[in-house]
């Protein structure tokens, strides 16, 4: 199990514990529960690479303590 840190543009920081074999879609559902935003309205990216829902965290080489960018559509 790893911990991922997500920062939004409003200065809020969310820490989420997930498994490496979870998909980005699973991560969005966990974030949606914390933020009150629907999962389909959330976009996760690192630099200019927008993460797709069906791909796993390990495929994107997301590791413990990694920071990702959180945007609301």
PDB file of N, CA and C in Angstrom:
ATOM      1  N   UNK A   1       0.850  -1.181   0.000  1.00  0.00           N
ATOM      2  CA  UNK A   1       0.000   0.000   0.000  1.00  0.00           C
ATOM      3  C   UNK A   1       0.896   1.244   0.000  1.00  0.00           C
ATOM      4  N   UNK A   2       0.511   2.221  -0.799  1.00  0.00           N
ATOM      5  CA  UNK A   2       1.291   3.454  -0.915  1.00  0.00           C
ATOM      6  C   UNK A   2       0.411   4.654  -0.578  1.00  0.00           C
ATOM      7  N   UNK A   3       1.047   5.754  -0.255  1.00  0.00           N
ATOM      8  CA  UNK A   3       0.325   6.998   0.003  1.00  0.00           C
ATOM      9  C   UNK A   3       0.657   7.993  -1.100  1.00  0.00           C
ATOM     10  N   UNK A   4      -0.383   8.529  -1.728  1.00  0.00           N
ATOM     11  CA  UNK A   4      -0.227   9.509  -2.797  1.00  0.00           C
ATOM     12  C   UNK A   4      -0.730  10.854  -2.282  1.00  0.00           C
ATOM     13  N   UNK A   5      -0.007  11.912  -2.604  1.00  0.00           N
ATOM     14  CA  UNK A   5      -0.376  13.263  -2.170  1.00  0.00           C
ATOM     15  C   UNK A   5      -0.864  14.031  -3.389  1.00  0.00           C
ATOM     16  N   UNK A   6      -2.072  14.568  -3.308  1.00  0.00           N
ATOM     17  CA  UNK A   6      -2.649  15.322  -4.420  1.00  0.00           C
ATOM     18  C   UNK A   6      -2.838  16.772  -4.011  1.00  0.00           C
ATOM     19  N   UNK A   7      -2.363  17.682  -4.839  1.00  0.00           N
ATOM     20  CA  UNK A   7      -2.490  19.121  -4.594  1.00  0.00           C
ATOM     21  C   UNK A   7      -3.403  19.723  -5.651  1.00  0.00           C
ATOM     22  N   UNK A   8      -4.363  20.528  -5.208  1.00  0.00           N
ATOM     23  CA  UNK A   8      -5.176  21.252  -6.186  1.00  0.00           C
ATOM     24  C   UNK A   8      -4.690  22.699  -6.274  1.00  0.00           C
ATOM     25  N   UNK A   9      -5.243  23.443  -7.187  1.00  0.00           N
ATOM     26  CA  UNK A   9      -4.792  24.821  -7.413  1.00  0.00           C
ATOM     27  C   UNK A   9      -5.231  25.768  -6.305  1.00  0.00           C
ATOM     28  N   UNK A  10      -6.108  25.317  -5.437  1.00  0.00           N
ATOM     29  CA  UNK A  10      -6.610  26.158  -4.352  1.00  0.00           C
ATOM     30  C   UNK A  10      -5.759  26.040  -3.095  1.00  0.00           C
ATOM     31  N   UNK A  11      -4.692  25.257  -3.150  1.00  0.00           N
ATOM     32  CA  UNK A  11      -3.810  25.102  -2.010  1.00  0.00           C
ATOM     33  C   UNK A  11      -4.180  23.970  -1.078  1.00  0.00           C
ATOM     34  N   UNK A  12      -5.190  23.181  -1.430  1.00  0.00           N
ATOM     35  CA  UNK A  12      -5.580  22.050  -0.597  1.00  0.00           C
ATOM     36  C   UNK A  12      -4.720  20.843  -0.955  1.00  0.00           C
ATOM     37  N   UNK A  13      -4.409  20.069   0.071  1.00  0.00           N
ATOM     38  CA  UNK A  13      -3.582  18.886  -0.111  1.00  0.00           C
ATOM     39  C   UNK A  13      -4.342  17.681   0.420  1.00  0.00           C
ATOM     40  N   UNK A  14      -4.447  16.645  -0.389  1.00  0.00           N
ATOM     41  CA  UNK A  14      -5.149  15.424  -0.003  1.00  0.00           C
ATOM     42  C   UNK A  14      -4.164  14.269   0.006  1.00  0.00           C
ATOM     43  N   UNK A  15      -4.212  13.470   1.075  1.00  0.00           N
ATOM     44  CA  UNK A  15      -3.376  12.272   1.168  1.00  0.00           C
ATOM     45  C   UNK A  15      -4.299  11.066   1.069  1.00  0.00           C
ATOM     46  N   UNK A  16      -3.979  10.160   0.140  1.00  0.00           N
ATOM     47  CA  UNK A  16      -4.829   9.001  -0.104  1.00  0.00           C
ATOM     48  C   UNK A  16      -3.963   7.747  -0.081  1.00  0.00           C
ATOM     49  N   UNK A  17      -4.406   6.734   0.645  1.00  0.00           N
ATOM     50  CA  UNK A  17      -3.703   5.450   0.658  1.00  0.00           C
ATOM     51  C   UNK A  17      -4.365   4.530  -0.366  1.00  0.00           C
ATOM     52  N   UNK A  18      -3.552   4.013  -1.284  1.00  0.00           N
ATOM     53  CA  UNK A  18      -4.039   3.148  -2.359  1.00  0.00           C
ATOM     54  C   UNK A  18      -3.047   2.012  -2.581  1.00  0.00           C
ATOM     55  N   UNK A  19      -3.485   1.003  -3.322  1.00  0.00           N
ATOM     56  CA  UNK A  19      -2.593  -0.070  -3.748  1.00  0.00           C
ATOM     57  C   UNK A  19      -1.998   0.293  -5.098  1.00  0.00           C
ATOM     58  N   UNK A  20      -0.821  -0.232  -5.386  1.00  0.00           N
ATOM     59  CA  UNK A  20      -0.171   0.080  -6.658  1.00  0.00           C
ATOM     60  C   UNK A  20      -0.941  -0.468  -7.850  1.00  0.00           C
ATOM     61  N   UNK A  21      -1.739  -1.535  -7.631  1.00  0.00           N
ATOM     62  CA  UNK A  21      -2.497  -2.114  -8.741  1.00  0.00           C
ATOM     63  C   UNK A  21      -3.891  -1.502  -8.885  1.00  0.00           C
ATOM     64  N   UNK A  22      -4.209  -0.474  -8.097  1.00  0.00           N
ATOM     65  CA  UNK A  22      -5.463   0.271  -8.278  1.00  0.00           C
ATOM     66  C   UNK A  22      -5.363   1.134  -9.528  1.00  0.00           C
ATOM     67  N   UNK A  23      -6.504   1.383 -10.158  1.00  0.00           N
ATOM     68  CA  UNK A  23      -6.514   2.233 -11.346  1.00  0.00           C
ATOM     69  C   UNK A  23      -6.661   3.699 -10.942  1.00  0.00           C
ATOM     70  N   UNK A  24      -6.437   4.573 -11.894  1.00  0.00           N
ATOM     71  CA  UNK A  24      -6.641   6.007 -11.670  1.00  0.00           C
ATOM     72  C   UNK A  24      -8.113   6.259 -11.344  1.00  0.00           C
ATOM     73  N   UNK A  25      -9.013   5.501 -11.970  1.00  0.00           N
ATOM     74  CA  UNK A  25     -10.439   5.619 -11.673  1.00  0.00           C
ATOM     75  C   UNK A  25     -10.745   5.317 -10.214  1.00  0.00           C
ATOM     76  N   UNK A  26     -10.077   4.297  -9.654  1.00  0.00           N
ATOM     77  CA  UNK A  26     -10.246   3.975  -8.228  1.00  0.00           C
ATOM     78  C   UNK A  26      -9.755   5.125  -7.354  1.00  0.00           C
ATOM     79  N   UNK A  27      -8.624   5.702  -7.733  1.00  0.00           N
ATOM     80  CA  UNK A  27      -8.069   6.838  -6.993  1.00  0.00           C
ATOM     81  C   UNK A  27      -9.028   8.024  -7.032  1.00  0.00           C
ATOM     82  N   UNK A  28      -9.634   8.266  -8.187  1.00  0.00           N
ATOM     83  CA  UNK A  28     -10.593   9.369  -8.313  1.00  0.00           C
ATOM     84  C   UNK A  28     -11.793   9.170  -7.394  1.00  0.00           C
ATOM     85  N   UNK A  29     -12.246   7.915  -7.245  1.00  0.00           N
ATOM     86  CA  UNK A  29     -13.382   7.638  -6.363  1.00  0.00           C
ATOM     87  C   UNK A  29     -13.032   7.947  -4.908  1.00  0.00           C
ATOM     88  N   UNK A  30     -11.808   7.618  -4.508  1.00  0.00           N
ATOM     89  CA  UNK A  30     -11.376   7.914  -3.137  1.00  0.00           C
ATOM     90  C   UNK A  30     -11.269   9.418  -2.906  1.00  0.00           C
ATOM     91  N   UNK A  31     -10.761  10.131  -3.896  1.00  0.00           N
ATOM     92  CA  UNK A  31     -10.651  11.589  -3.783  1.00  0.00           C
ATOM     93  C   UNK A  31     -12.039  12.220  -3.758  1.00  0.00           C
ATOM     94  N   UNK A  32     -12.946  11.695  -4.583  1.00  0.00           N
ATOM     95  CA  UNK A  32     -14.310  12.222  -4.635  1.00  0.00           C
ATOM     96  C   UNK A  32     -14.986  12.107  -3.270  1.00  0.00           C
ATOM     97  N   UNK A  33     -14.716  11.022  -2.552  1.00  0.00           N
ATOM     98  CA  UNK A  33     -15.293  10.846  -1.219  1.00  0.00           C
ATOM     99  C   UNK A  33     -14.764  11.900  -0.246  1.00  0.00           C
ATOM    100  N   UNK A  34     -13.518  12.309  -0.404  1.00  0.00           N
ATOM    101  CA  UNK A  34     -12.928  13.317   0.487  1.00  0.00           C
ATOM    102  C   UNK A  34     -13.340  14.736   0.113  1.00  0.00           C
ATOM    103  N   UNK A  35     -13.496  15.000  -1.191  1.00  0.00           N
ATOM    104  CA  UNK A  35     -13.755  16.370  -1.638  1.00  0.00           C
ATOM    105  C   UNK A  35     -15.230  16.680  -1.823  1.00  0.00           C
ATOM    106  N   UNK A  36     -16.052  15.651  -2.012  1.00  0.00           N
ATOM    107  CA  UNK A  36     -17.460  15.879  -2.300  1.00  0.00           C
ATOM    108  C   UNK A  36     -17.715  16.182  -3.766  1.00  0.00           C
ATOM    109  N   UNK A  37     -16.716  15.974  -4.615  1.00  0.00           N
ATOM    110  CA  UNK A  37     -16.836  16.199  -6.054  1.00  0.00           C
ATOM    111  C   UNK A  37     -17.048  14.858  -6.749  1.00  0.00           C
ATOM    112  N   UNK A  38     -17.833  14.833  -7.814  1.00  0.00           N
ATOM    113  CA  UNK A  38     -18.045  13.589  -8.551  1.00  0.00           C
ATOM    114  C   UNK A  38     -16.743  13.139  -9.220  1.00  0.00           C
ATOM    115  N   UNK A  39     -16.467  11.822  -9.258  1.00  0.00           N
ATOM    116  CA  UNK A  39     -15.210  11.327  -9.837  1.00  0.00           C
ATOM    117  C   UNK A  39     -14.990  11.749 -11.289  1.00  0.00           C
ATOM    118  N   UNK A  40     -16.059  11.835 -12.067  1.00  0.00           N
ATOM    119  CA  UNK A  40     -15.901  12.202 -13.487  1.00  0.00           C
ATOM    120  C   UNK A  40     -15.547  13.677 -13.673  1.00  0.00           C
ATOM    121  N   UNK A  41     -15.652  14.464 -12.610  1.00  0.00           N
ATOM    122  CA  UNK A  41     -15.288  15.883 -12.668  1.00  0.00           C
ATOM    123  C   UNK A  41     -13.848  16.132 -12.213  1.00  0.00           C
ATOM    124  N   UNK A  42     -13.127  15.058 -11.883  1.00  0.00           N
ATOM    125  CA  UNK A  42     -11.755  15.178 -11.381  1.00  0.00           C
ATOM    126  C   UNK A  42     -10.769  14.792 -12.479  1.00  0.00           C
ATOM    127  N   UNK A  43      -9.688  15.565 -12.595  1.00  0.00           N
ATOM    128  CA  UNK A  43      -8.600  15.251 -13.531  1.00  0.00           C
ATOM    129  C   UNK A  43      -7.304  15.186 -12.730  1.00  0.00           C
ATOM    130  N   UNK A  44      -6.565  14.097 -12.911  1.00  0.00           N
ATOM    131  CA  UNK A  44      -5.287  13.920 -12.224  1.00  0.00           C
ATOM    132  C   UNK A  44      -4.184  13.943 -13.271  1.00  0.00           C
ATOM    133  N   UNK A  45      -3.131  14.698 -12.982  1.00  0.00           N
ATOM    134  CA  UNK A  45      -2.026  14.746 -13.929  1.00  0.00           C
ATOM    135  C   UNK A  45      -0.712  15.009 -13.215  1.00  0.00           C
ATOM    136  N   UNK A  46       0.364  14.755 -13.933  1.00  0.00           N
ATOM    137  CA  UNK A  46       1.720  15.062 -13.478  1.00  0.00           C
ATOM    138  C   UNK A  46       2.369  15.812 -14.622  1.00  0.00           C
ATOM    139  N   UNK A  47       2.729  17.068 -14.386  1.00  0.00           N
ATOM    140  CA  UNK A  47       3.193  17.974 -15.432  1.00  0.00           C
ATOM    141  C   UNK A  47       2.110  18.070 -16.494  1.00  0.00           C
ATOM    142  N   UNK A  48       2.403  17.706 -17.733  1.00  0.00           N
ATOM    143  CA  UNK A  48       1.397  17.798 -18.798  1.00  0.00           C
ATOM    144  C   UNK A  48       0.810  16.439 -19.145  1.00  0.00           C
ATOM    145  N   UNK A  49       1.123  15.419 -18.378  1.00  0.00           N
ATOM    146  CA  UNK A  49       0.637  14.073 -18.634  1.00  0.00           C
ATOM    147  C   UNK A  49      -0.670  13.848 -17.864  1.00  0.00           C
ATOM    148  N   UNK A  50      -1.798  13.854 -18.578  1.00  0.00           N
ATOM    149  CA  UNK A  50      -3.104  13.623 -17.953  1.00  0.00           C
ATOM    150  C   UNK A  50      -3.302  12.119 -17.808  1.00  0.00           C
ATOM    151  N   UNK A  51      -3.583  11.667 -16.585  1.00  0.00           N
ATOM    152  CA  UNK A  51      -3.726  10.241 -16.320  1.00  0.00           C
ATOM    153  C   UNK A  51      -5.109   9.755 -16.737  1.00  0.00           C
ATOM    154  N   UNK A  52      -5.157   8.589 -17.394  1.00  0.00           N
ATOM    155  CA  UNK A  52      -6.407   7.994 -17.873  1.00  0.00           C
ATOM    156  C   UNK A  52      -6.954   7.018 -16.823  1.00  0.00           C
ATOM    157  N   UNK A  53      -8.287   6.934 -16.735  1.00  0.00           N
ATOM    158  CA  UNK A  53      -8.959   6.192 -15.667  1.00  0.00           C
ATOM    159  C   UNK A  53      -8.632   4.702 -15.627  1.00  0.00           C
ATOM    160  N   UNK A  54      -8.463   4.055 -16.763  1.00  0.00           N
ATOM    161  CA  UNK A  54      -8.342   2.597 -16.802  1.00  0.00           C
ATOM    162  C   UNK A  54      -6.916   2.086 -16.573  1.00  0.00           C
ATOM    163  N   UNK A  55      -5.948   2.973 -16.452  1.00  0.00           N
ATOM    164  CA  UNK A  55      -4.548   2.570 -16.292  1.00  0.00           C
ATOM    165  C   UNK A  55      -4.185   2.564 -14.806  1.00  0.00           C
ATOM    166  N   UNK A  56      -3.370   1.586 -14.399  1.00  0.00           N
ATOM    167  CA  UNK A  56      -3.034   1.439 -12.979  1.00  0.00           C
ATOM    168  C   UNK A  56      -1.940   2.418 -12.555  1.00  0.00           C
ATOM    169  N   UNK A  57      -1.851   2.613 -11.255  1.00  0.00           N
ATOM    170  CA  UNK A  57      -0.827   3.500 -10.702  1.00  0.00           C
ATOM    171  C   UNK A  57       0.576   2.969 -10.981  1.00  0.00           C
ATOM    172  N   UNK A  58       0.746   1.646 -10.930  1.00  0.00           N
ATOM    173  CA  UNK A  58       2.076   1.081 -11.193  1.00  0.00           C
ATOM    174  C   UNK A  58       2.480   1.277 -12.649  1.00  0.00           C
ATOM    175  N   UNK A  59       1.519   1.269 -13.576  1.00  0.00           N
ATOM    176  CA  UNK A  59       1.835   1.527 -14.989  1.00  0.00           C
ATOM    177  C   UNK A  59       2.337   2.955 -15.179  1.00  0.00           C
ATOM    178  N   UNK A  60       1.826   3.889 -14.382  1.00  0.00           N
ATOM    179  CA  UNK A  60       2.292   5.275 -14.435  1.00  0.00           C
ATOM    180  C   UNK A  60       3.521   5.492 -13.549  1.00  0.00           C
ATOM    181  N   UNK A  61       3.997   4.425 -12.905  1.00  0.00           N
ATOM    182  CA  UNK A  61       5.166   4.476 -12.018  1.00  0.00           C
ATOM    183  C   UNK A  61       4.962   5.453 -10.860  1.00  0.00           C
ATOM    184  N   UNK A  62       3.740   5.438 -10.315  1.00  0.00           N
ATOM    185  CA  UNK A  62       3.433   6.238  -9.125  1.00  0.00           C
ATOM    186  C   UNK A  62       3.954   5.470  -7.914  1.00  0.00           C
ATOM    187  N   UNK A  63       4.756   6.112  -7.074  1.00  0.00           N
ATOM    188  CA  UNK A  63       5.345   5.453  -5.919  1.00  0.00           C
ATOM    189  C   UNK A  63       4.917   6.146  -4.629  1.00  0.00           C
ATOM    190  N   UNK A  64       5.306   5.569  -3.518  1.00  0.00           N
ATOM    191  CA  UNK A  64       4.904   6.070  -2.204  1.00  0.00           C
ATOM    192  C   UNK A  64       5.418   7.490  -1.974  1.00  0.00           C
ATOM    193  N   UNK A  65       4.513   8.369  -1.540  1.00  0.00           N
ATOM    194  CA  UNK A  65       4.873   9.751  -1.248  1.00  0.00           C
ATOM    195  C   UNK A  65       4.901  10.664  -2.456  1.00  0.00           C
ATOM    196  N   UNK A  66       4.528  10.160  -3.617  1.00  0.00           N
ATOM    197  CA  UNK A  66       4.577  10.962  -4.843  1.00  0.00           C
ATOM    198  C   UNK A  66       3.462  12.004  -4.852  1.00  0.00           C
ATOM    199  N   UNK A  67       3.768  13.186  -5.351  1.00  0.00           N
ATOM    200  CA  UNK A  67       2.790  14.260  -5.462  1.00  0.00           C
ATOM    201  C   UNK A  67       2.217  14.338  -6.863  1.00  0.00           C
ATOM    202  N   UNK A  68       0.899  14.434  -6.958  1.00  0.00           N
ATOM    203  CA  UNK A  68       0.210  14.570  -8.242  1.00  0.00           C
ATOM    204  C   UNK A  68      -0.632  15.838  -8.223  1.00  0.00           C
ATOM    205  N   UNK A  69      -0.993  16.302  -9.397  1.00  0.00           N
ATOM    206  CA  UNK A  69      -1.804  17.515  -9.523  1.00  0.00           C
ATOM    207  C   UNK A  69      -3.270  17.131  -9.676  1.00  0.00           C
ATOM    208  N   UNK A  70      -4.130  17.850  -8.974  1.00  0.00           N
ATOM    209  CA  UNK A  70      -5.567  17.582  -8.967  1.00  0.00           C
ATOM    210  C   UNK A  70      -6.296  18.787  -9.535  1.00  0.00           C
ATOM    211  N   UNK A  71      -7.118  18.549 -10.548  1.00  0.00           N
ATOM    212  CA  UNK A  71      -7.894  19.620 -11.182  1.00  0.00           C
ATOM    213  C   UNK A  71      -9.363  19.222 -11.207  1.00  0.00           C
ATOM    214  N   UNK A  72     -10.231  20.226 -11.172  1.00  0.00           N
ATOM    215  CA  UNK A  72     -11.674  20.001 -11.237  1.00  0.00           C
ATOM    216  C   UNK A  72     -12.176  20.505 -12.581  1.00  0.00           C
ATOM    217  N   UNK A  73     -12.871  19.641 -13.320  1.00  0.00           N
ATOM    218  CA  UNK A  73     -13.418  20.035 -14.633  1.00  0.00           C
ATOM    219  C   UNK A  73     -14.792  20.645 -14.476  1.00  0.00           C
TER     220      UNK A  73
END
